[in-house]
Amino acid sequence: MCHFKAHFIDKEIRFYSEEYPRPRATQHFYYDLEDLLKEKLAGKVAWSVHRPGVLMEQHIWAATNEEVSSTDGQAFNAINGPRFTWKEIWPSLGLKFGLQVPQNMFLEEFTFTKAMSDKQQVWKEIVEKKGLIETEMEDLANWAFLDILFRCPVKMLGTRDKADRFGFKLKYNTLDSILYWIDSMRDEKLVP
C-alpha cells in the first residue's frame, strides 16, 4: 500500500502482475481477504479473486468458467482494458464538469483531504443550486483513500494479461467508462 508522504512525480513504472510475490513489509486488505478465503473454503468450493479495477463483468465470466474458478482459487486483476495513468484522465474529467484541473494537485504537498476539508458549504450550495439529491461532502469520496491512490511513489499499473490468457476478452476504454458513469450519476441527480 502506498504511503501519504509518497509523491506524484513519475519516477518509475511498475506493472502489477498476479504472479508477483506479495510485498512482505506491508499489510494489504486484498491479500488478507484472499487468505481468509483460502482458510475458510479450503478446497470446499470453487473460487477466484478479482482485484478491483473498474470492470465488473469479469466476475460473471470467472464464475461461469471452470478453468478459472477452482477449489485452490487464483487471483486476477480486474482492469478495463488499455493501460492508463490518472494524470492523463484528469484533464478530461475537468472538461466534463466544465472545470480546469488545478495544477497544484500534481504537486507533492497537495492532498485531497486538506483541499476538500473546508468545502462542505460550497457543496451544499451546489446541491441546492443544481437541484441535486441532498448529500454531504463526506459522501462524495473517501478523500484519504484518494490521497493514498494518487500519491504512490511509483506508477503502479495493473495488467490484465492473466485474464486475457484465460480467454476474457471484454475490454472498455477507462475514460469512456468513467464518463459514462458521470452521465449516469448526473441522470440520478448525484452530481452537477
N, C-alpha and C. Protein backbone atom coordinates (compact mmCIF):
# COMPACT_ATOMS: atom_id res chain seq x y z
N MET A 1 0.85 -1.16 0.00
CA MET A 1 0.00 0.00 0.00
C MET A 1 0.90 1.22 0.00
N CYS A 2 0.51 2.26 -0.71
CA CYS A 2 1.31 3.47 -0.80
C CYS A 2 1.13 4.30 0.46
N HIS A 3 2.10 5.14 0.75
CA HIS A 3 2.06 5.98 1.94
C HIS A 3 1.73 7.41 1.55
N PHE A 4 1.17 8.18 2.49
CA PHE A 4 0.78 9.57 2.24
C PHE A 4 1.95 10.44 1.82
N LYS A 5 3.14 10.19 2.33
CA LYS A 5 4.28 11.05 2.04
C LYS A 5 4.85 10.79 0.65
N ALA A 6 4.33 9.79 -0.01
CA ALA A 6 4.82 9.49 -1.36
C ALA A 6 4.47 10.64 -2.29
N HIS A 7 5.17 10.73 -3.40
CA HIS A 7 4.87 11.84 -4.30
C HIS A 7 4.38 11.37 -5.66
N PHE A 8 3.83 12.33 -6.37
CA PHE A 8 3.12 12.08 -7.62
C PHE A 8 4.05 12.05 -8.82
N ILE A 9 5.24 12.57 -8.68
CA ILE A 9 6.16 12.66 -9.81
C ILE A 9 6.52 11.26 -10.29
N ASP A 10 6.45 11.06 -11.60
CA ASP A 10 6.71 9.75 -12.17
C ASP A 10 8.20 9.42 -12.09
N LYS A 11 8.54 8.47 -11.25
CA LYS A 11 9.93 8.05 -11.14
C LYS A 11 10.15 6.72 -11.84
N GLU A 12 9.17 5.87 -11.75
CA GLU A 12 9.33 4.52 -12.24
C GLU A 12 7.93 3.97 -12.52
N ILE A 13 7.82 3.12 -13.52
CA ILE A 13 6.55 2.48 -13.80
C ILE A 13 6.69 1.00 -13.48
N ARG A 14 5.75 0.48 -12.70
CA ARG A 14 5.72 -0.95 -12.41
C ARG A 14 4.37 -1.48 -12.83
N PHE A 15 4.38 -2.60 -13.52
CA PHE A 15 3.14 -3.25 -13.89
C PHE A 15 2.90 -4.37 -12.91
N TYR A 16 1.79 -4.32 -12.23
CA TYR A 16 1.49 -5.33 -11.23
C TYR A 16 0.89 -6.55 -11.90
N SER A 17 1.51 -7.68 -11.73
CA SER A 17 1.03 -8.93 -12.29
C SER A 17 0.62 -9.85 -11.15
N GLU A 18 -0.36 -10.70 -11.41
CA GLU A 18 -0.85 -11.62 -10.38
C GLU A 18 0.23 -12.57 -9.89
N GLU A 19 1.23 -12.83 -10.71
CA GLU A 19 2.28 -13.77 -10.34
C GLU A 19 3.37 -13.16 -9.47
N TYR A 20 3.39 -11.85 -9.30
CA TYR A 20 4.42 -11.21 -8.48
C TYR A 20 4.27 -11.66 -7.03
N PRO A 21 5.38 -11.83 -6.34
CA PRO A 21 5.27 -12.18 -4.92
C PRO A 21 4.68 -11.02 -4.14
N ARG A 22 4.03 -11.35 -3.06
CA ARG A 22 3.43 -10.32 -2.21
C ARG A 22 4.52 -9.49 -1.53
N PRO A 23 4.25 -8.20 -1.36
CA PRO A 23 5.21 -7.40 -0.58
C PRO A 23 5.21 -7.88 0.86
N ARG A 24 6.35 -7.98 1.47
CA ARG A 24 6.44 -8.52 2.82
C ARG A 24 6.21 -7.47 3.89
N ALA A 25 6.62 -6.25 3.64
CA ALA A 25 6.66 -5.23 4.70
C ALA A 25 5.31 -4.60 5.02
N THR A 26 4.32 -4.78 4.17
CA THR A 26 3.05 -4.10 4.40
C THR A 26 1.90 -5.08 4.50
N GLN A 27 0.87 -4.64 5.18
CA GLN A 27 -0.36 -5.41 5.22
C GLN A 27 -1.25 -4.92 4.08
N HIS A 28 -1.93 -5.80 3.43
CA HIS A 28 -2.72 -5.45 2.25
C HIS A 28 -4.11 -6.06 2.39
N PHE A 29 -5.12 -5.22 2.35
CA PHE A 29 -6.51 -5.62 2.54
C PHE A 29 -6.91 -6.78 1.63
N TYR A 30 -6.56 -6.72 0.35
CA TYR A 30 -6.97 -7.76 -0.59
C TYR A 30 -6.28 -9.09 -0.31
N TYR A 31 -5.02 -9.03 0.08
CA TYR A 31 -4.33 -10.28 0.43
C TYR A 31 -4.94 -10.90 1.68
N ASP A 32 -5.31 -10.05 2.63
CA ASP A 32 -5.95 -10.56 3.84
C ASP A 32 -7.26 -11.28 3.50
N LEU A 33 -8.03 -10.69 2.60
CA LEU A 33 -9.28 -11.34 2.18
C LEU A 33 -9.02 -12.65 1.45
N GLU A 34 -8.02 -12.64 0.59
CA GLU A 34 -7.67 -13.86 -0.14
C GLU A 34 -7.24 -14.97 0.82
N ASP A 35 -6.44 -14.62 1.81
CA ASP A 35 -6.01 -15.61 2.81
C ASP A 35 -7.18 -16.14 3.61
N LEU A 36 -8.13 -15.28 3.92
CA LEU A 36 -9.32 -15.70 4.66
C LEU A 36 -10.14 -16.69 3.82
N LEU A 37 -10.28 -16.41 2.53
CA LEU A 37 -10.99 -17.35 1.65
C LEU A 37 -10.29 -18.71 1.62
N LYS A 38 -8.97 -18.69 1.47
CA LYS A 38 -8.23 -19.94 1.44
C LYS A 38 -8.43 -20.73 2.72
N GLU A 39 -8.41 -20.02 3.84
CA GLU A 39 -8.57 -20.68 5.13
C GLU A 39 -9.98 -21.25 5.31
N LYS A 40 -11.00 -20.46 4.99
CA LYS A 40 -12.39 -20.87 5.24
C LYS A 40 -12.94 -21.84 4.21
N LEU A 41 -12.50 -21.69 2.96
CA LEU A 41 -13.06 -22.54 1.90
C LEU A 41 -12.24 -23.81 1.67
N ALA A 42 -10.98 -23.77 1.97
CA ALA A 42 -10.06 -24.91 1.92
C ALA A 42 -10.52 -26.08 1.07
N GLY A 43 -10.65 -25.86 -0.23
CA GLY A 43 -10.99 -26.94 -1.15
C GLY A 43 -12.46 -27.32 -1.18
N LYS A 44 -13.32 -26.60 -0.50
CA LYS A 44 -14.74 -26.95 -0.41
C LYS A 44 -15.57 -26.44 -1.58
N VAL A 45 -15.15 -25.32 -2.16
CA VAL A 45 -15.93 -24.71 -3.23
C VAL A 45 -14.99 -24.01 -4.21
N ALA A 46 -15.38 -23.91 -5.46
CA ALA A 46 -14.55 -23.24 -6.47
C ALA A 46 -14.64 -21.73 -6.26
N TRP A 47 -13.52 -21.06 -6.39
CA TRP A 47 -13.49 -19.61 -6.19
C TRP A 47 -12.29 -19.01 -6.88
N SER A 48 -12.35 -17.72 -7.08
CA SER A 48 -11.22 -16.96 -7.60
C SER A 48 -11.31 -15.55 -7.04
N VAL A 49 -10.20 -14.85 -7.02
CA VAL A 49 -10.12 -13.48 -6.51
C VAL A 49 -9.93 -12.54 -7.68
N HIS A 50 -10.66 -11.44 -7.67
CA HIS A 50 -10.53 -10.43 -8.74
C HIS A 50 -10.22 -9.10 -8.09
N ARG A 51 -8.96 -8.71 -8.16
CA ARG A 51 -8.53 -7.46 -7.56
C ARG A 51 -9.09 -6.32 -8.38
N PRO A 52 -9.71 -5.36 -7.70
CA PRO A 52 -10.59 -4.42 -8.41
C PRO A 52 -9.90 -3.45 -9.34
N GLY A 53 -10.53 -3.31 -10.46
CA GLY A 53 -10.33 -2.23 -11.40
C GLY A 53 -11.73 -1.66 -11.50
N VAL A 54 -12.12 -1.21 -12.65
CA VAL A 54 -13.46 -0.64 -12.80
C VAL A 54 -14.41 -1.66 -13.42
N LEU A 55 -13.89 -2.64 -14.15
CA LEU A 55 -14.70 -3.58 -14.92
C LEU A 55 -15.24 -4.70 -14.04
N MET A 56 -16.57 -4.83 -13.94
CA MET A 56 -17.16 -5.86 -13.09
C MET A 56 -17.70 -7.06 -13.88
N GLU A 57 -17.82 -6.96 -15.20
CA GLU A 57 -18.31 -8.10 -15.98
C GLU A 57 -17.41 -9.31 -15.83
N GLN A 58 -16.14 -9.09 -15.43
CA GLN A 58 -15.17 -10.16 -15.28
C GLN A 58 -15.61 -11.16 -14.22
N HIS A 59 -16.33 -10.75 -13.19
CA HIS A 59 -16.78 -11.64 -12.13
C HIS A 59 -17.74 -12.71 -12.67
N ILE A 60 -18.61 -12.30 -13.56
CA ILE A 60 -19.56 -13.25 -14.15
C ILE A 60 -18.79 -14.27 -15.00
N TRP A 61 -17.86 -13.79 -15.80
CA TRP A 61 -17.03 -14.68 -16.63
C TRP A 61 -16.33 -15.71 -15.76
N ALA A 62 -15.73 -15.26 -14.66
CA ALA A 62 -14.99 -16.17 -13.80
C ALA A 62 -15.90 -17.19 -13.13
N ALA A 63 -17.07 -16.75 -12.71
CA ALA A 63 -17.98 -17.65 -12.00
C ALA A 63 -18.54 -18.73 -12.91
N THR A 64 -18.52 -18.49 -14.22
CA THR A 64 -19.10 -19.46 -15.15
C THR A 64 -18.03 -20.17 -15.98
N ASN A 65 -16.78 -20.04 -15.61
CA ASN A 65 -15.68 -20.63 -16.35
C ASN A 65 -14.94 -21.61 -15.45
N GLU A 66 -15.06 -22.88 -15.74
CA GLU A 66 -14.45 -23.91 -14.88
C GLU A 66 -12.93 -23.83 -14.84
N GLU A 67 -12.32 -23.35 -15.90
CA GLU A 67 -10.86 -23.25 -15.92
C GLU A 67 -10.37 -22.14 -14.98
N VAL A 68 -11.22 -21.16 -14.74
CA VAL A 68 -10.84 -20.02 -13.90
C VAL A 68 -11.15 -20.27 -12.43
N SER A 69 -12.35 -20.71 -12.13
CA SER A 69 -12.72 -20.99 -10.75
C SER A 69 -12.26 -22.40 -10.39
N SER A 70 -11.56 -22.49 -9.28
CA SER A 70 -11.10 -23.79 -8.81
C SER A 70 -11.14 -23.80 -7.29
N THR A 71 -11.07 -24.97 -6.72
CA THR A 71 -11.10 -25.05 -5.26
C THR A 71 -9.80 -24.56 -4.65
N ASP A 72 -8.75 -24.39 -5.45
CA ASP A 72 -7.50 -23.81 -4.96
C ASP A 72 -7.56 -22.29 -5.01
N GLY A 73 -8.46 -21.74 -5.84
CA GLY A 73 -8.58 -20.29 -6.01
C GLY A 73 -7.38 -19.72 -6.73
N GLN A 74 -7.58 -18.65 -7.43
CA GLN A 74 -6.49 -17.92 -8.05
C GLN A 74 -6.89 -16.47 -8.22
N ALA A 75 -5.91 -15.61 -8.36
CA ALA A 75 -6.16 -14.17 -8.40
C ALA A 75 -6.08 -13.65 -9.82
N PHE A 76 -6.93 -12.67 -10.12
CA PHE A 76 -6.94 -11.97 -11.40
C PHE A 76 -7.06 -10.48 -11.14
N ASN A 77 -6.33 -9.68 -11.89
CA ASN A 77 -6.55 -8.25 -11.86
C ASN A 77 -7.78 -7.96 -12.72
N ALA A 78 -8.68 -7.13 -12.20
CA ALA A 78 -9.89 -6.75 -12.95
C ALA A 78 -9.67 -5.33 -13.48
N ILE A 79 -9.26 -5.25 -14.73
CA ILE A 79 -8.90 -3.97 -15.34
C ILE A 79 -9.65 -3.81 -16.65
N ASN A 80 -10.15 -2.61 -16.89
CA ASN A 80 -10.96 -2.35 -18.08
C ASN A 80 -10.32 -2.75 -19.38
N GLY A 81 -9.14 -2.29 -19.61
CA GLY A 81 -8.54 -2.52 -20.92
C GLY A 81 -7.17 -1.91 -20.98
N PRO A 82 -6.94 -1.00 -21.92
CA PRO A 82 -5.60 -0.43 -22.10
C PRO A 82 -5.11 0.25 -20.83
N ARG A 83 -3.80 0.22 -20.66
CA ARG A 83 -3.19 0.87 -19.51
C ARG A 83 -3.39 2.39 -19.62
N PHE A 84 -3.48 3.04 -18.45
CA PHE A 84 -3.65 4.49 -18.42
C PHE A 84 -3.05 5.01 -17.13
N THR A 85 -2.86 6.31 -17.08
CA THR A 85 -2.49 6.95 -15.82
C THR A 85 -3.57 7.97 -15.49
N TRP A 86 -3.76 8.22 -14.20
CA TRP A 86 -4.76 9.20 -13.79
C TRP A 86 -4.38 10.60 -14.23
N LYS A 87 -3.10 10.86 -14.31
CA LYS A 87 -2.65 12.18 -14.77
C LYS A 87 -3.15 12.44 -16.20
N GLU A 88 -3.31 11.39 -16.99
CA GLU A 88 -3.85 11.52 -18.34
C GLU A 88 -5.38 11.72 -18.31
N ILE A 89 -6.04 11.17 -17.29
CA ILE A 89 -7.50 11.19 -17.20
C ILE A 89 -8.03 12.52 -16.66
N TRP A 90 -7.32 13.11 -15.68
CA TRP A 90 -7.83 14.30 -15.00
C TRP A 90 -8.28 15.44 -15.93
N PRO A 91 -7.53 15.81 -16.96
CA PRO A 91 -7.99 16.91 -17.82
C PRO A 91 -9.35 16.64 -18.47
N SER A 92 -9.60 15.40 -18.86
CA SER A 92 -10.90 15.07 -19.46
C SER A 92 -12.01 15.14 -18.43
N LEU A 93 -11.73 14.75 -17.19
CA LEU A 93 -12.73 14.87 -16.14
C LEU A 93 -13.05 16.33 -15.86
N GLY A 94 -12.02 17.16 -15.83
CA GLY A 94 -12.24 18.59 -15.64
C GLY A 94 -13.11 19.15 -16.74
N LEU A 95 -12.81 18.80 -17.98
CA LEU A 95 -13.61 19.25 -19.12
C LEU A 95 -15.06 18.80 -19.01
N LYS A 96 -15.28 17.58 -18.57
CA LYS A 96 -16.64 17.03 -18.41
C LYS A 96 -17.46 17.88 -17.44
N PHE A 97 -16.82 18.37 -16.39
CA PHE A 97 -17.51 19.18 -15.39
C PHE A 97 -17.39 20.68 -15.66
N GLY A 98 -16.75 21.05 -16.78
CA GLY A 98 -16.59 22.46 -17.11
C GLY A 98 -15.62 23.16 -16.18
N LEU A 99 -14.63 22.43 -15.70
CA LEU A 99 -13.64 22.97 -14.77
C LEU A 99 -12.23 22.77 -15.31
N GLN A 100 -11.33 23.60 -14.83
CA GLN A 100 -9.93 23.40 -15.18
C GLN A 100 -9.27 22.67 -14.02
N VAL A 101 -8.48 21.68 -14.33
CA VAL A 101 -7.79 20.91 -13.29
C VAL A 101 -6.69 21.80 -12.70
N PRO A 102 -6.75 22.02 -11.39
CA PRO A 102 -5.71 22.86 -10.77
C PRO A 102 -4.35 22.17 -10.84
N GLN A 103 -3.37 22.87 -11.34
CA GLN A 103 -2.04 22.28 -11.50
C GLN A 103 -1.38 21.93 -10.17
N ASN A 104 -1.81 22.60 -9.10
CA ASN A 104 -1.19 22.29 -7.81
C ASN A 104 -1.55 20.90 -7.31
N MET A 105 -2.60 20.29 -7.89
CA MET A 105 -2.97 18.95 -7.43
C MET A 105 -1.94 17.90 -7.85
N PHE A 106 -1.03 18.28 -8.72
CA PHE A 106 0.02 17.35 -9.13
C PHE A 106 1.31 17.54 -8.32
N LEU A 107 1.28 18.49 -7.40
CA LEU A 107 2.46 18.72 -6.56
C LEU A 107 2.48 17.77 -5.38
N GLU A 108 3.67 17.48 -4.90
CA GLU A 108 3.85 16.52 -3.82
C GLU A 108 3.07 16.88 -2.56
N GLU A 109 3.01 18.16 -2.22
CA GLU A 109 2.37 18.56 -0.97
C GLU A 109 0.83 18.62 -1.04
N PHE A 110 0.26 18.48 -2.23
CA PHE A 110 -1.20 18.53 -2.35
C PHE A 110 -1.83 17.25 -1.80
N THR A 111 -2.89 17.42 -1.01
CA THR A 111 -3.69 16.27 -0.59
C THR A 111 -5.16 16.63 -0.76
N PHE A 112 -5.95 15.65 -1.16
CA PHE A 112 -7.38 15.86 -1.30
C PHE A 112 -8.02 16.12 0.06
N THR A 113 -7.52 15.43 1.09
CA THR A 113 -8.06 15.59 2.43
C THR A 113 -8.01 17.06 2.85
N LYS A 114 -6.87 17.69 2.66
CA LYS A 114 -6.72 19.10 3.03
C LYS A 114 -7.51 20.01 2.09
N ALA A 115 -7.40 19.75 0.79
CA ALA A 115 -8.07 20.62 -0.19
C ALA A 115 -9.59 20.62 -0.03
N MET A 116 -10.16 19.50 0.38
CA MET A 116 -11.61 19.39 0.48
C MET A 116 -12.14 19.62 1.89
N SER A 117 -11.25 19.81 2.86
CA SER A 117 -11.66 19.89 4.27
C SER A 117 -12.60 21.04 4.59
N ASP A 118 -12.56 22.11 3.82
CA ASP A 118 -13.40 23.27 4.12
C ASP A 118 -14.45 23.54 3.02
N LYS A 119 -14.78 22.52 2.25
CA LYS A 119 -15.69 22.71 1.11
C LYS A 119 -17.13 22.25 1.36
N GLN A 120 -17.48 21.92 2.62
CA GLN A 120 -18.83 21.42 2.92
C GLN A 120 -19.91 22.42 2.50
N GLN A 121 -19.71 23.70 2.82
CA GLN A 121 -20.72 24.72 2.49
C GLN A 121 -20.81 24.93 0.98
N VAL A 122 -19.68 24.90 0.31
CA VAL A 122 -19.67 25.04 -1.16
C VAL A 122 -20.49 23.92 -1.77
N TRP A 123 -20.30 22.68 -1.28
CA TRP A 123 -21.05 21.54 -1.83
C TRP A 123 -22.55 21.71 -1.56
N LYS A 124 -22.91 22.17 -0.36
CA LYS A 124 -24.33 22.39 -0.05
C LYS A 124 -24.95 23.39 -1.00
N GLU A 125 -24.21 24.44 -1.34
CA GLU A 125 -24.70 25.45 -2.29
C GLU A 125 -24.87 24.86 -3.69
N ILE A 126 -23.93 24.04 -4.10
CA ILE A 126 -24.03 23.38 -5.42
C ILE A 126 -25.26 22.47 -5.45
N VAL A 127 -25.44 21.68 -4.40
CA VAL A 127 -26.59 20.77 -4.32
C VAL A 127 -27.89 21.54 -4.46
N GLU A 128 -28.00 22.65 -3.73
CA GLU A 128 -29.23 23.46 -3.78
C GLU A 128 -29.42 24.12 -5.14
N LYS A 129 -28.37 24.76 -5.65
CA LYS A 129 -28.44 25.48 -6.92
C LYS A 129 -28.77 24.56 -8.10
N LYS A 130 -28.19 23.35 -8.10
CA LYS A 130 -28.36 22.42 -9.22
C LYS A 130 -29.50 21.43 -9.02
N GLY A 131 -30.18 21.49 -7.87
CA GLY A 131 -31.30 20.60 -7.61
C GLY A 131 -30.88 19.13 -7.47
N LEU A 132 -29.75 18.91 -6.83
CA LEU A 132 -29.24 17.55 -6.66
C LEU A 132 -29.85 16.89 -5.43
N ILE A 133 -29.71 15.58 -5.38
CA ILE A 133 -30.12 14.85 -4.19
C ILE A 133 -29.22 15.31 -3.05
N GLU A 134 -29.82 15.58 -1.91
CA GLU A 134 -29.06 16.11 -0.77
C GLU A 134 -28.07 15.06 -0.28
N THR A 135 -26.81 15.43 -0.33
CA THR A 135 -25.73 14.58 0.16
C THR A 135 -24.75 15.44 0.92
N GLU A 136 -23.98 14.81 1.76
CA GLU A 136 -22.93 15.51 2.50
C GLU A 136 -21.62 15.42 1.72
N MET A 137 -20.74 16.35 1.99
CA MET A 137 -19.43 16.39 1.34
C MET A 137 -18.69 15.06 1.53
N GLU A 138 -18.80 14.48 2.71
CA GLU A 138 -18.11 13.23 3.01
C GLU A 138 -18.63 12.07 2.17
N ASP A 139 -19.86 12.21 1.62
CA ASP A 139 -20.44 11.14 0.80
C ASP A 139 -19.91 11.14 -0.63
N LEU A 140 -19.24 12.21 -1.03
CA LEU A 140 -18.75 12.31 -2.40
C LEU A 140 -17.60 11.36 -2.69
N ALA A 141 -16.67 11.30 -1.77
CA ALA A 141 -15.49 10.46 -1.97
C ALA A 141 -14.79 10.24 -0.64
N ASN A 142 -13.97 9.21 -0.60
CA ASN A 142 -13.12 8.98 0.55
C ASN A 142 -11.81 9.69 0.25
N TRP A 143 -11.70 10.91 0.74
CA TRP A 143 -10.57 11.77 0.37
C TRP A 143 -9.23 11.17 0.82
N ALA A 144 -9.20 10.53 1.99
CA ALA A 144 -7.95 9.91 2.45
C ALA A 144 -7.53 8.77 1.52
N PHE A 145 -8.51 8.00 1.04
CA PHE A 145 -8.19 6.93 0.10
C PHE A 145 -7.64 7.51 -1.20
N LEU A 146 -8.23 8.60 -1.68
CA LEU A 146 -7.72 9.24 -2.90
C LEU A 146 -6.29 9.73 -2.71
N ASP A 147 -5.99 10.24 -1.52
CA ASP A 147 -4.61 10.66 -1.25
C ASP A 147 -3.66 9.48 -1.37
N ILE A 148 -4.05 8.34 -0.88
CA ILE A 148 -3.21 7.14 -0.99
C ILE A 148 -3.10 6.72 -2.45
N LEU A 149 -4.24 6.66 -3.12
CA LEU A 149 -4.29 6.20 -4.51
C LEU A 149 -3.43 7.05 -5.44
N PHE A 150 -3.52 8.37 -5.29
CA PHE A 150 -2.84 9.27 -6.23
C PHE A 150 -1.46 9.73 -5.76
N ARG A 151 -0.99 9.25 -4.64
CA ARG A 151 0.31 9.67 -4.13
C ARG A 151 1.31 8.53 -4.03
N CYS A 152 1.16 7.51 -4.81
CA CYS A 152 2.12 6.41 -4.79
C CYS A 152 3.47 6.90 -5.30
N PRO A 153 4.58 6.41 -4.71
CA PRO A 153 5.90 6.88 -5.14
C PRO A 153 6.27 6.40 -6.54
N VAL A 154 5.62 5.37 -7.02
CA VAL A 154 5.85 4.88 -8.38
C VAL A 154 4.50 4.67 -9.03
N LYS A 155 4.47 4.69 -10.33
CA LYS A 155 3.23 4.35 -11.02
C LYS A 155 3.03 2.85 -10.89
N MET A 156 1.91 2.47 -10.32
CA MET A 156 1.58 1.06 -10.20
C MET A 156 0.47 0.78 -11.20
N LEU A 157 0.82 0.20 -12.30
CA LEU A 157 -0.16 -0.10 -13.33
C LEU A 157 -0.41 -1.60 -13.34
N GLY A 158 -1.66 -1.97 -13.19
CA GLY A 158 -2.00 -3.38 -13.23
C GLY A 158 -2.08 -3.87 -14.66
N THR A 159 -1.83 -5.14 -14.82
CA THR A 159 -2.01 -5.74 -16.14
C THR A 159 -3.18 -6.72 -16.05
N ARG A 160 -3.83 -6.92 -17.14
CA ARG A 160 -4.89 -7.91 -17.21
C ARG A 160 -4.47 -9.09 -18.08
N ASP A 161 -3.17 -9.25 -18.22
CA ASP A 161 -2.62 -10.29 -19.09
C ASP A 161 -3.10 -11.69 -18.71
N LYS A 162 -3.19 -11.96 -17.42
CA LYS A 162 -3.59 -13.30 -16.99
C LYS A 162 -5.04 -13.58 -17.40
N ALA A 163 -5.94 -12.63 -17.17
CA ALA A 163 -7.33 -12.81 -17.57
C ALA A 163 -7.44 -12.98 -19.08
N ASP A 164 -6.66 -12.21 -19.82
CA ASP A 164 -6.64 -12.35 -21.28
C ASP A 164 -6.19 -13.75 -21.70
N ARG A 165 -5.14 -14.26 -21.04
CA ARG A 165 -4.65 -15.61 -21.36
C ARG A 165 -5.71 -16.68 -21.12
N PHE A 166 -6.58 -16.44 -20.12
CA PHE A 166 -7.63 -17.40 -19.81
C PHE A 166 -8.89 -17.18 -20.66
N GLY A 167 -8.84 -16.21 -21.57
CA GLY A 167 -9.94 -16.05 -22.52
C GLY A 167 -10.91 -14.91 -22.25
N PHE A 168 -10.64 -14.06 -21.27
CA PHE A 168 -11.53 -12.92 -21.03
C PHE A 168 -11.14 -11.80 -21.98
N LYS A 169 -12.02 -11.50 -22.93
CA LYS A 169 -11.66 -10.56 -23.99
C LYS A 169 -12.44 -9.25 -23.96
N LEU A 170 -13.42 -9.13 -23.06
CA LEU A 170 -14.22 -7.91 -22.98
C LEU A 170 -13.36 -6.76 -22.47
N LYS A 171 -13.28 -5.66 -23.22
CA LYS A 171 -12.46 -4.51 -22.84
C LYS A 171 -13.25 -3.23 -23.04
N TYR A 172 -12.96 -2.28 -22.17
CA TYR A 172 -13.56 -0.95 -22.26
C TYR A 172 -12.46 0.08 -22.10
N ASN A 173 -12.62 1.20 -22.75
CA ASN A 173 -11.73 2.32 -22.55
C ASN A 173 -12.08 2.93 -21.19
N THR A 174 -11.10 3.05 -20.32
CA THR A 174 -11.34 3.52 -18.96
C THR A 174 -11.98 4.90 -18.93
N LEU A 175 -11.47 5.83 -19.71
CA LEU A 175 -12.05 7.18 -19.72
C LEU A 175 -13.50 7.13 -20.18
N ASP A 176 -13.80 6.35 -21.22
CA ASP A 176 -15.19 6.23 -21.67
C ASP A 176 -16.08 5.68 -20.56
N SER A 177 -15.57 4.71 -19.81
CA SER A 177 -16.34 4.14 -18.70
C SER A 177 -16.60 5.17 -17.62
N ILE A 178 -15.58 5.92 -17.25
CA ILE A 178 -15.74 6.95 -16.22
C ILE A 178 -16.74 8.01 -16.67
N LEU A 179 -16.62 8.46 -17.91
CA LEU A 179 -17.55 9.47 -18.41
C LEU A 179 -18.98 8.94 -18.47
N TYR A 180 -19.13 7.66 -18.80
CA TYR A 180 -20.46 7.03 -18.79
C TYR A 180 -21.07 7.10 -17.40
N TRP A 181 -20.26 6.75 -16.37
CA TRP A 181 -20.79 6.74 -15.01
C TRP A 181 -21.05 8.14 -14.49
N ILE A 182 -20.27 9.11 -14.95
CA ILE A 182 -20.59 10.51 -14.59
C ILE A 182 -21.94 10.88 -15.16
N ASP A 183 -22.20 10.53 -16.42
CA ASP A 183 -23.52 10.80 -17.02
C ASP A 183 -24.63 10.09 -16.25
N SER A 184 -24.38 8.86 -15.84
CA SER A 184 -25.37 8.12 -15.04
C SER A 184 -25.64 8.81 -13.72
N MET A 185 -24.58 9.27 -13.06
CA MET A 185 -24.75 9.98 -11.78
C MET A 185 -25.46 11.32 -11.98
N ARG A 186 -25.23 11.95 -13.13
CA ARG A 186 -25.97 13.18 -13.44
C ARG A 186 -27.45 12.88 -13.62
N ASP A 187 -27.75 11.81 -14.33
CA ASP A 187 -29.15 11.42 -14.52
C ASP A 187 -29.85 11.15 -13.19
N GLU A 188 -29.10 10.64 -12.21
CA GLU A 188 -29.64 10.33 -10.89
C GLU A 188 -29.62 11.55 -9.97
N LYS A 189 -29.14 12.69 -10.48
CA LYS A 189 -29.05 13.94 -9.72
C LYS A 189 -28.09 13.82 -8.52
N LEU A 190 -26.99 13.10 -8.73
CA LEU A 190 -25.99 12.96 -7.67
C LEU A 190 -24.84 13.96 -7.84
N VAL A 191 -24.55 14.31 -9.10
CA VAL A 191 -23.50 15.28 -9.40
C VAL A 191 -24.04 16.28 -10.43
N PRO A 192 -23.47 17.49 -10.44
CA PRO A 192 -23.95 18.52 -11.41
C PRO A 192 -23.51 18.24 -12.83
